[in-house]
């Protein structure tokens, strides 16, 4: 749930910008570690 909400907020602000892609990439790494 947290992940989808975070990506939605970033998507509304930046769309498919590089920052959004990097942000989602780090989220994926964090969730994989957990």
C-alpha atoms as a PDB file:
ATOM      1  CA  UNK A   1       0.000   0.000   0.000  1.00  0.00           C
ATOM      2  CA  UNK A   2       2.753   2.430   0.942  1.00  0.00           C
ATOM      3  CA  UNK A   3       4.539   1.761  -2.313  1.00  0.00           C
ATOM      4  CA  UNK A   4       1.502   2.439  -4.527  1.00  0.00           C
ATOM      5  CA  UNK A   5       0.625   5.630  -2.634  1.00  0.00           C
ATOM      6  CA  UNK A   6       4.196   6.926  -2.883  1.00  0.00           C
ATOM      7  CA  UNK A   7       4.400   6.226  -6.614  1.00  0.00           C
ATOM      8  CA  UNK A   8       0.998   7.839  -7.167  1.00  0.00           C
ATOM      9  CA  UNK A   9       2.108  11.022  -5.378  1.00  0.00           C
ATOM     10  CA  UNK A  10       5.341  11.147  -7.377  1.00  0.00           C
ATOM     11  CA  UNK A  11       3.399  10.431 -10.573  1.00  0.00           C
ATOM     12  CA  UNK A  12       1.046  13.331  -9.974  1.00  0.00           C
ATOM     13  CA  UNK A  13       3.923  15.724  -9.323  1.00  0.00           C
ATOM     14  CA  UNK A  14       6.579  14.658 -11.822  1.00  0.00           C
ATOM     15  CA  UNK A  15       4.948  12.182 -14.161  1.00  0.00           C
ATOM     16  CA  UNK A  16       7.487   9.747 -15.644  1.00  0.00           C
ATOM     17  CA  UNK A  17      10.471  11.941 -14.832  1.00  0.00           C
ATOM     18  CA  UNK A  18      13.929  10.572 -14.086  1.00  0.00           C
ATOM     19  CA  UNK A  19      13.483  11.412 -10.395  1.00  0.00           C
ATOM     20  CA  UNK A  20      10.301   9.333 -10.304  1.00  0.00           C
ATOM     21  CA  UNK A  21      12.043   6.348 -11.923  1.00  0.00           C
ATOM     22  CA  UNK A  22      14.973   6.565  -9.493  1.00  0.00           C
ATOM     23  CA  UNK A  23      12.577   6.941  -6.553  1.00  0.00           C
ATOM     24  CA  UNK A  24      10.648   3.836  -7.571  1.00  0.00           C
ATOM     25  CA  UNK A  25      13.934   1.962  -8.143  1.00  0.00           C
ATOM     26  CA  UNK A  26      15.059   2.695  -4.578  1.00  0.00           C
ATOM     27  CA  UNK A  27      11.632   1.716  -3.236  1.00  0.00           C
ATOM     28  CA  UNK A  28      11.953  -1.630  -5.028  1.00  0.00           C
ATOM     29  CA  UNK A  29      15.405  -2.198  -3.486  1.00  0.00           C
ATOM     30  CA  UNK A  30      14.127  -1.339  -0.004  1.00  0.00           C
ATOM     31  CA  UNK A  31      11.146  -3.671  -0.308  1.00  0.00           C
ATOM     32  CA  UNK A  32      13.383  -6.451  -1.640  1.00  0.00           C
ATOM     33  CA  UNK A  33      15.700  -6.097   1.355  1.00  0.00           C
ATOM     34  CA  UNK A  34      12.709  -6.333   3.700  1.00  0.00           C
END
